[in-house]
């Protein structure tokens, strides 16, 4: 999945949580944080700490993979497009 913004990242984590049938409370407990922290990440990810991101990724059994813009994913799947935005 190509994610290019904090909002996109929060949406992807929320979607993964829901697909797993987990509540914010449960993920908070697994991450060692409060339900309100999970909620805050899902609603305002631009204010989250990087540590919170990694705790949530771990609780959701997800990993973060970085790749150069414009390169095909390692597994060769998906319709990968070059990055076309500036920050």
PDB file of N, CA and C in Angstrom:
ATOM      1  N   UNK A   1       0.844  -1.171   0.000  1.00  0.00           N
ATOM      2  CA  UNK A   1       0.000   0.000   0.000  1.00  0.00           C
ATOM      3  C   UNK A   1       0.892   1.238   0.000  1.00  0.00           C
ATOM      4  N   UNK A   2       0.599   2.151  -0.889  1.00  0.00           N
ATOM      5  CA  UNK A   2       1.369   3.391  -0.973  1.00  0.00           C
ATOM      6  C   UNK A   2       0.723   4.428  -0.064  1.00  0.00           C
ATOM      7  N   UNK A   3       1.481   4.936   0.890  1.00  0.00           N
ATOM      8  CA  UNK A   3       0.992   5.945   1.827  1.00  0.00           C
ATOM      9  C   UNK A   3       1.884   7.163   1.700  1.00  0.00           C
ATOM     10  N   UNK A   4       1.265   8.314   1.476  1.00  0.00           N
ATOM     11  CA  UNK A   4       2.044   9.526   1.232  1.00  0.00           C
ATOM     12  C   UNK A   4       1.708  10.670   2.180  1.00  0.00           C
ATOM     13  N   UNK A   5       0.953  10.369   3.247  1.00  0.00           N
ATOM     14  CA  UNK A   5       0.605  11.427   4.199  1.00  0.00           C
ATOM     15  C   UNK A   5       0.329  10.819   5.566  1.00  0.00           C
ATOM     16  N   UNK A   6       0.368  11.667   6.579  1.00  0.00           N
ATOM     17  CA  UNK A   6       0.032  11.226   7.936  1.00  0.00           C
ATOM     18  C   UNK A   6      -1.409  10.736   7.990  1.00  0.00           C
ATOM     19  N   UNK A   7      -2.300  11.433   7.298  1.00  0.00           N
ATOM     20  CA  UNK A   7      -3.710  11.045   7.273  1.00  0.00           C
ATOM     21  C   UNK A   7      -3.877   9.667   6.637  1.00  0.00           C
ATOM     22  N   UNK A   8      -3.159   9.428   5.545  1.00  0.00           N
ATOM     23  CA  UNK A   8      -3.221   8.128   4.888  1.00  0.00           C
ATOM     24  C   UNK A   8      -2.706   7.010   5.785  1.00  0.00           C
ATOM     25  N   UNK A   9      -1.662   7.304   6.547  1.00  0.00           N
ATOM     26  CA  UNK A   9      -1.110   6.322   7.475  1.00  0.00           C
ATOM     27  C   UNK A   9      -2.112   6.005   8.585  1.00  0.00           C
ATOM     28  N   UNK A  10      -2.722   7.029   9.137  1.00  0.00           N
ATOM     29  CA  UNK A  10      -3.715   6.829  10.193  1.00  0.00           C
ATOM     30  C   UNK A  10      -4.900   6.029   9.671  1.00  0.00           C
ATOM     31  N   UNK A  11      -5.349   6.342   8.459  1.00  0.00           N
ATOM     32  CA  UNK A  11      -6.469   5.606   7.866  1.00  0.00           C
ATOM     33  C   UNK A  11      -6.119   4.142   7.648  1.00  0.00           C
ATOM     34  N   UNK A  12      -4.889   3.873   7.206  1.00  0.00           N
ATOM     35  CA  UNK A  12      -4.453   2.497   6.980  1.00  0.00           C
ATOM     36  C   UNK A  12      -4.395   1.717   8.287  1.00  0.00           C
ATOM     37  N   UNK A  13      -3.896   2.333   9.349  1.00  0.00           N
ATOM     38  CA  UNK A  13      -3.844   1.657  10.639  1.00  0.00           C
ATOM     39  C   UNK A  13      -5.248   1.415  11.193  1.00  0.00           C
ATOM     40  N   UNK A  14      -6.124   2.395  11.033  1.00  0.00           N
ATOM     41  CA  UNK A  14      -7.497   2.229  11.504  1.00  0.00           C
ATOM     42  C   UNK A  14      -8.188   1.097  10.726  1.00  0.00           C
ATOM     43  N   UNK A  15      -7.982   1.059   9.420  1.00  0.00           N
ATOM     44  CA  UNK A  15      -8.562   0.015   8.597  1.00  0.00           C
ATOM     45  C   UNK A  15      -8.038  -1.362   9.024  1.00  0.00           C
ATOM     46  N   UNK A  16      -6.741  -1.463   9.271  1.00  0.00           N
ATOM     47  CA  UNK A  16      -6.149  -2.732   9.719  1.00  0.00           C
ATOM     48  C   UNK A  16      -6.740  -3.145  11.059  1.00  0.00           C
ATOM     49  N   UNK A  17      -6.891  -2.183  11.960  1.00  0.00           N
ATOM     50  CA  UNK A  17      -7.467  -2.491  13.275  1.00  0.00           C
ATOM     51  C   UNK A  17      -8.875  -3.049  13.125  1.00  0.00           C
ATOM     52  N   UNK A  18      -9.679  -2.401  12.301  1.00  0.00           N
ATOM     53  CA  UNK A  18     -11.062  -2.843  12.109  1.00  0.00           C
ATOM     54  C   UNK A  18     -11.131  -4.197  11.401  1.00  0.00           C
ATOM     55  N   UNK A  19     -10.260  -4.418  10.417  1.00  0.00           N
ATOM     56  CA  UNK A  19     -10.224  -5.706   9.721  1.00  0.00           C
ATOM     57  C   UNK A  19      -9.858  -6.843  10.666  1.00  0.00           C
ATOM     58  N   UNK A  20      -9.041  -6.519  11.670  1.00  0.00           N
ATOM     59  CA  UNK A  20      -8.648  -7.514  12.661  1.00  0.00           C
ATOM     60  C   UNK A  20      -9.708  -7.688  13.750  1.00  0.00           C
ATOM     61  N   UNK A  21     -10.746  -6.859  13.704  1.00  0.00           N
ATOM     62  CA  UNK A  21     -11.812  -6.944  14.702  1.00  0.00           C
ATOM     63  C   UNK A  21     -11.396  -6.434  16.065  1.00  0.00           C
ATOM     64  N   UNK A  22     -10.434  -5.516  16.086  1.00  0.00           N
ATOM     65  CA  UNK A  22      -9.905  -4.994  17.342  1.00  0.00           C
ATOM     66  C   UNK A  22     -10.522  -3.629  17.659  1.00  0.00           C
ATOM     67  N   UNK A  23     -10.686  -3.356  18.931  1.00  0.00           N
ATOM     68  CA  UNK A  23     -11.147  -2.040  19.364  1.00  0.00           C
ATOM     69  C   UNK A  23      -9.939  -1.157  19.660  1.00  0.00           C
ATOM     70  N   UNK A  24     -10.179   0.134  19.750  1.00  0.00           N
ATOM     71  CA  UNK A  24      -9.112   1.048  20.156  1.00  0.00           C
ATOM     72  C   UNK A  24      -8.610   0.676  21.547  1.00  0.00           C
ATOM     73  N   UNK A  25      -9.499   0.268  22.409  1.00  0.00           N
ATOM     74  CA  UNK A  25      -9.124  -0.121  23.774  1.00  0.00           C
ATOM     75  C   UNK A  25      -8.155  -1.307  23.751  1.00  0.00           C
ATOM     76  N   UNK A  26      -8.491  -2.327  22.970  1.00  0.00           N
ATOM     77  CA  UNK A  26      -7.648  -3.523  22.899  1.00  0.00           C
ATOM     78  C   UNK A  26      -6.277  -3.198  22.317  1.00  0.00           C
ATOM     79  N   UNK A  27      -6.253  -2.418  21.232  1.00  0.00           N
ATOM     80  CA  UNK A  27      -4.974  -2.053  20.624  1.00  0.00           C
ATOM     81  C   UNK A  27      -4.160  -1.191  21.581  1.00  0.00           C
ATOM     82  N   UNK A  28      -4.828  -0.316  22.310  1.00  0.00           N
ATOM     83  CA  UNK A  28      -4.132   0.487  23.311  1.00  0.00           C
ATOM     84  C   UNK A  28      -3.469  -0.380  24.367  1.00  0.00           C
ATOM     85  N   UNK A  29      -4.190  -1.388  24.817  1.00  0.00           N
ATOM     86  CA  UNK A  29      -3.632  -2.297  25.825  1.00  0.00           C
ATOM     87  C   UNK A  29      -2.435  -3.056  25.259  1.00  0.00           C
ATOM     88  N   UNK A  30      -2.575  -3.558  24.028  1.00  0.00           N
ATOM     89  CA  UNK A  30      -1.463  -4.287  23.399  1.00  0.00           C
ATOM     90  C   UNK A  30      -0.254  -3.385  23.163  1.00  0.00           C
ATOM     91  N   UNK A  31      -0.515  -2.107  22.885  1.00  0.00           N
ATOM     92  CA  UNK A  31       0.559  -1.153  22.612  1.00  0.00           C
ATOM     93  C   UNK A  31       1.133  -0.546  23.891  1.00  0.00           C
ATOM     94  N   UNK A  32       0.498  -0.805  25.018  1.00  0.00           N
ATOM     95  CA  UNK A  32       0.965  -0.219  26.268  1.00  0.00           C
ATOM     96  C   UNK A  32       0.640   1.250  26.381  1.00  0.00           C
ATOM     97  N   UNK A  33      -0.501   1.638  25.811  1.00  0.00           N
ATOM     98  CA  UNK A  33      -0.919   3.029  25.839  1.00  0.00           C
ATOM     99  C   UNK A  33      -2.422   3.092  26.101  1.00  0.00           C
ATOM    100  N   UNK A  34      -2.963   4.273  26.150  1.00  0.00           N
ATOM    101  CA  UNK A  34      -4.384   4.454  26.441  1.00  0.00           C
ATOM    102  C   UNK A  34      -5.218   4.390  25.164  1.00  0.00           C
ATOM    103  N   UNK A  35      -6.497   4.078  25.321  1.00  0.00           N
ATOM    104  CA  UNK A  35      -7.437   4.104  24.202  1.00  0.00           C
ATOM    105  C   UNK A  35      -7.473   5.494  23.603  1.00  0.00           C
ATOM    106  N   UNK A  36      -7.391   6.514  24.439  1.00  0.00           N
ATOM    107  CA  UNK A  36      -7.445   7.890  23.940  1.00  0.00           C
ATOM    108  C   UNK A  36      -6.244   8.216  23.051  1.00  0.00           C
ATOM    109  N   UNK A  37      -5.111   7.568  23.277  1.00  0.00           N
ATOM    110  CA  UNK A  37      -3.936   7.771  22.429  1.00  0.00           C
ATOM    111  C   UNK A  37      -4.165   7.161  21.055  1.00  0.00           C
ATOM    112  N   UNK A  38      -4.783   5.982  21.020  1.00  0.00           N
ATOM    113  CA  UNK A  38      -5.119   5.342  19.747  1.00  0.00           C
ATOM    114  C   UNK A  38      -6.106   6.220  18.988  1.00  0.00           C
ATOM    115  N   UNK A  39      -7.106   6.716  19.671  1.00  0.00           N
ATOM    116  CA  UNK A  39      -8.095   7.592  19.059  1.00  0.00           C
ATOM    117  C   UNK A  39      -7.445   8.860  18.516  1.00  0.00           C
ATOM    118  N   UNK A  40      -6.563   9.449  19.301  1.00  0.00           N
ATOM    119  CA  UNK A  40      -5.884  10.671  18.876  1.00  0.00           C
ATOM    120  C   UNK A  40      -5.040  10.416  17.635  1.00  0.00           C
ATOM    121  N   UNK A  41      -4.373   9.265  17.577  1.00  0.00           N
ATOM    122  CA  UNK A  41      -3.579   8.944  16.393  1.00  0.00           C
ATOM    123  C   UNK A  41      -4.480   8.803  15.172  1.00  0.00           C
ATOM    124  N   UNK A  42      -5.605   8.137  15.335  1.00  0.00           N
ATOM    125  CA  UNK A  42      -6.510   7.912  14.216  1.00  0.00           C
ATOM    126  C   UNK A  42      -7.172   9.200  13.728  1.00  0.00           C
ATOM    127  N   UNK A  43      -7.358  10.167  14.618  1.00  0.00           N
ATOM    128  CA  UNK A  43      -8.047  11.398  14.217  1.00  0.00           C
ATOM    129  C   UNK A  43      -7.093  12.547  13.881  1.00  0.00           C
ATOM    130  N   UNK A  44      -5.949  12.609  14.536  1.00  0.00           N
ATOM    131  CA  UNK A  44      -4.986  13.698  14.305  1.00  0.00           C
ATOM    132  C   UNK A  44      -3.562  13.157  14.277  1.00  0.00           C
ATOM    133  N   UNK A  45      -3.230  12.357  13.261  1.00  0.00           N
ATOM    134  CA  UNK A  45      -1.905  11.716  13.244  1.00  0.00           C
ATOM    135  C   UNK A  45      -0.741  12.690  13.141  1.00  0.00           C
ATOM    136  N   UNK A  46      -0.995  13.882  12.645  1.00  0.00           N
ATOM    137  CA  UNK A  46       0.086  14.863  12.493  1.00  0.00           C
ATOM    138  C   UNK A  46       0.628  15.324  13.846  1.00  0.00           C
ATOM    139  N   UNK A  47      -0.108  15.052  14.924  1.00  0.00           N
ATOM    140  CA  UNK A  47       0.340  15.444  16.262  1.00  0.00           C
ATOM    141  C   UNK A  47       0.911  14.270  17.057  1.00  0.00           C
ATOM    142  N   UNK A  48       0.964  13.100  16.440  1.00  0.00           N
ATOM    143  CA  UNK A  48       1.420  11.901  17.142  1.00  0.00           C
ATOM    144  C   UNK A  48       2.936  11.835  17.236  1.00  0.00           C
ATOM    145  N   UNK A  49       3.395  11.132  18.244  1.00  0.00           N
ATOM    146  CA  UNK A  49       4.825  10.883  18.398  1.00  0.00           C
ATOM    147  C   UNK A  49       5.196   9.661  17.572  1.00  0.00           C
ATOM    148  N   UNK A  50       6.399   9.648  17.053  1.00  0.00           N
ATOM    149  CA  UNK A  50       6.867   8.517  16.254  1.00  0.00           C
ATOM    150  C   UNK A  50       6.851   7.229  17.087  1.00  0.00           C
ATOM    151  N   UNK A  51       7.127   7.350  18.365  1.00  0.00           N
ATOM    152  CA  UNK A  51       7.093   6.198  19.268  1.00  0.00           C
ATOM    153  C   UNK A  51       5.697   5.578  19.291  1.00  0.00           C
ATOM    154  N   UNK A  52       4.670   6.425  19.270  1.00  0.00           N
ATOM    155  CA  UNK A  52       3.292   5.931  19.258  1.00  0.00           C
ATOM    156  C   UNK A  52       3.025   5.146  17.987  1.00  0.00           C
ATOM    157  N   UNK A  53       3.490   5.646  16.854  1.00  0.00           N
ATOM    158  CA  UNK A  53       3.321   4.935  15.592  1.00  0.00           C
ATOM    159  C   UNK A  53       3.888   3.528  15.694  1.00  0.00           C
ATOM    160  N   UNK A  54       5.096   3.391  16.185  1.00  0.00           N
ATOM    161  CA  UNK A  54       5.725   2.076  16.249  1.00  0.00           C
ATOM    162  C   UNK A  54       5.045   1.159  17.263  1.00  0.00           C
ATOM    163  N   UNK A  55       4.530   1.703  18.338  1.00  0.00           N
ATOM    164  CA  UNK A  55       3.767   0.895  19.291  1.00  0.00           C
ATOM    165  C   UNK A  55       2.497   0.356  18.637  1.00  0.00           C
ATOM    166  N   UNK A  56       1.817   1.217  17.868  1.00  0.00           N
ATOM    167  CA  UNK A  56       0.585   0.788  17.201  1.00  0.00           C
ATOM    168  C   UNK A  56       0.879  -0.227  16.102  1.00  0.00           C
ATOM    169  N   UNK A  57       1.935   0.003  15.343  1.00  0.00           N
ATOM    170  CA  UNK A  57       2.316  -0.973  14.323  1.00  0.00           C
ATOM    171  C   UNK A  57       2.569  -2.339  14.952  1.00  0.00           C
ATOM    172  N   UNK A  58       3.274  -2.354  16.057  1.00  0.00           N
ATOM    173  CA  UNK A  58       3.570  -3.607  16.744  1.00  0.00           C
ATOM    174  C   UNK A  58       2.289  -4.270  17.244  1.00  0.00           C
ATOM    175  N   UNK A  59       1.415  -3.492  17.857  1.00  0.00           N
ATOM    176  CA  UNK A  59       0.164  -4.044  18.389  1.00  0.00           C
ATOM    177  C   UNK A  59      -0.711  -4.620  17.279  1.00  0.00           C
ATOM    178  N   UNK A  60      -0.616  -4.042  16.089  1.00  0.00           N
ATOM    179  CA  UNK A  60      -1.401  -4.512  14.947  1.00  0.00           C
ATOM    180  C   UNK A  60      -0.667  -5.558  14.118  1.00  0.00           C
ATOM    181  N   UNK A  61       0.530  -5.936  14.560  1.00  0.00           N
ATOM    182  CA  UNK A  61       1.360  -6.908  13.853  1.00  0.00           C
ATOM    183  C   UNK A  61       1.643  -6.446  12.421  1.00  0.00           C
ATOM    184  N   UNK A  62       1.982  -5.167  12.281  1.00  0.00           N
ATOM    185  CA  UNK A  62       2.316  -4.564  10.992  1.00  0.00           C
ATOM    186  C   UNK A  62       3.758  -4.096  11.020  1.00  0.00           C
ATOM    187  N   UNK A  63       4.325  -3.862   9.845  1.00  0.00           N
ATOM    188  CA  UNK A  63       5.671  -3.313   9.766  1.00  0.00           C
ATOM    189  C   UNK A  63       5.695  -2.181   8.756  1.00  0.00           C
ATOM    190  N   UNK A  64       6.634  -1.302   8.927  1.00  0.00           N
ATOM    191  CA  UNK A  64       6.824  -0.159   8.042  1.00  0.00           C
ATOM    192  C   UNK A  64       7.959  -0.492   7.081  1.00  0.00           C
ATOM    193  N   UNK A  65       7.707  -0.343   5.779  1.00  0.00           N
ATOM    194  CA  UNK A  65       8.713  -0.627   4.766  1.00  0.00           C
ATOM    195  C   UNK A  65       8.931   0.649   3.961  1.00  0.00           C
ATOM    196  N   UNK A  66      10.179   1.060   3.822  1.00  0.00           N
ATOM    197  CA  UNK A  66      10.518   2.242   3.045  1.00  0.00           C
ATOM    198  C   UNK A  66      11.126   1.811   1.717  1.00  0.00           C
ATOM    199  N   UNK A  67      10.801   2.557   0.673  1.00  0.00           N
ATOM    200  CA  UNK A  67      11.397   2.293  -0.630  1.00  0.00           C
ATOM    201  C   UNK A  67      11.606   3.612  -1.349  1.00  0.00           C
ATOM    202  N   UNK A  68      12.524   3.628  -2.273  1.00  0.00           N
ATOM    203  CA  UNK A  68      12.773   4.822  -3.059  1.00  0.00           C
ATOM    204  C   UNK A  68      11.566   5.132  -3.932  1.00  0.00           C
ATOM    205  N   UNK A  69      11.286   6.403  -4.098  1.00  0.00           N
ATOM    206  CA  UNK A  69      10.189   6.813  -4.964  1.00  0.00           C
ATOM    207  C   UNK A  69      10.434   6.315  -6.378  1.00  0.00           C
ATOM    208  N   UNK A  70       9.368   5.875  -7.012  1.00  0.00           N
ATOM    209  CA  UNK A  70       9.453   5.468  -8.402  1.00  0.00           C
ATOM    210  C   UNK A  70       9.981   4.076  -8.630  1.00  0.00           C
ATOM    211  N   UNK A  71      10.390   3.375  -7.587  1.00  0.00           N
ATOM    212  CA  UNK A  71      10.864   2.007  -7.748  1.00  0.00           C
ATOM    213  C   UNK A  71       9.710   1.046  -7.558  1.00  0.00           C
ATOM    214  N   UNK A  72       9.736  -0.045  -8.274  1.00  0.00           N
ATOM    215  CA  UNK A  72       8.705  -1.070  -8.128  1.00  0.00           C
ATOM    216  C   UNK A  72       8.867  -1.737  -6.772  1.00  0.00           C
ATOM    217  N   UNK A  73       7.751  -2.100  -6.143  1.00  0.00           N
ATOM    218  CA  UNK A  73       7.836  -2.827  -4.868  1.00  0.00           C
ATOM    219  C   UNK A  73       8.631  -4.111  -5.043  1.00  0.00           C
ATOM    220  N   UNK A  74       9.267  -4.572  -3.959  1.00  0.00           N
ATOM    221  CA  UNK A  74      10.108  -5.763  -4.014  1.00  0.00           C
ATOM    222  C   UNK A  74       9.356  -6.984  -4.510  1.00  0.00           C
ATOM    223  N   UNK A  75       8.081  -7.095  -4.135  1.00  0.00           N
ATOM    224  CA  UNK A  75       7.319  -8.277  -4.531  1.00  0.00           C
ATOM    225  C   UNK A  75       6.757  -8.149  -5.942  1.00  0.00           C
ATOM    226  N   UNK A  76       6.931  -6.972  -6.576  1.00  0.00           N
ATOM    227  CA  UNK A  76       6.511  -6.786  -7.949  1.00  0.00           C
ATOM    228  C   UNK A  76       5.017  -6.644  -8.141  1.00  0.00           C
ATOM    229  N   UNK A  77       4.248  -6.558  -7.075  1.00  0.00           N
ATOM    230  CA  UNK A  77       2.803  -6.467  -7.209  1.00  0.00           C
ATOM    231  C   UNK A  77       2.340  -5.022  -7.154  1.00  0.00           C
ATOM    232  N   UNK A  78       1.160  -4.792  -7.615  1.00  0.00           N
ATOM    233  CA  UNK A  78       0.564  -3.470  -7.516  1.00  0.00           C
ATOM    234  C   UNK A  78       0.918  -2.568  -8.674  1.00  0.00           C
ATOM    235  N   UNK A  79       0.172  -1.500  -8.787  1.00  0.00           N
ATOM    236  CA  UNK A  79       0.391  -0.508  -9.832  1.00  0.00           C
ATOM    237  C   UNK A  79       1.116   0.667  -9.202  1.00  0.00           C
ATOM    238  N   UNK A  80       2.435   0.608  -9.162  1.00  0.00           N
ATOM    239  CA  UNK A  80       3.249   1.609  -8.480  1.00  0.00           C
ATOM    240  C   UNK A  80       3.435   2.828  -9.364  1.00  0.00           C
ATOM    241  N   UNK A  81       3.149   3.999  -8.826  1.00  0.00           N
ATOM    242  CA  UNK A  81       3.314   5.244  -9.560  1.00  0.00           C
ATOM    243  C   UNK A  81       4.383   6.089  -8.881  1.00  0.00           C
ATOM    244  N   UNK A  82       5.046   6.911  -9.663  1.00  0.00           N
ATOM    245  CA  UNK A  82       6.091   7.787  -9.123  1.00  0.00           C
ATOM    246  C   UNK A  82       5.464   8.860  -8.241  1.00  0.00           C
ATOM    247  N   UNK A  83       6.210   9.275  -7.274  1.00  0.00           N
ATOM    248  CA  UNK A  83       5.796  10.344  -6.361  1.00  0.00           C
ATOM    249  C   UNK A  83       5.651  11.637  -7.140  1.00  0.00           C
ATOM    250  N   UNK A  84       4.553  12.349  -6.978  1.00  0.00           N
ATOM    251  CA  UNK A  84       4.337  13.571  -7.756  1.00  0.00           C
ATOM    252  C   UNK A  84       4.002  14.786  -6.888  1.00  0.00           C
ATOM    253  N   UNK A  85       4.323  14.703  -5.592  1.00  0.00           N
ATOM    254  CA  UNK A  85       3.998  15.798  -4.693  1.00  0.00           C
ATOM    255  C   UNK A  85       5.240  16.279  -3.965  1.00  0.00           C
ATOM    256  N   UNK A  86       5.241  17.559  -3.650  1.00  0.00           N
ATOM    257  CA  UNK A  86       6.313  18.121  -2.839  1.00  0.00           C
ATOM    258  C   UNK A  86       5.758  18.430  -1.458  1.00  0.00           C
ATOM    259  N   UNK A  87       6.611  18.375  -0.458  1.00  0.00           N
ATOM    260  CA  UNK A  87       6.174  18.686   0.912  1.00  0.00           C
ATOM    261  C   UNK A  87       6.464  20.099   1.219  1.00  0.00           C
TER     262      UNK A  87
END
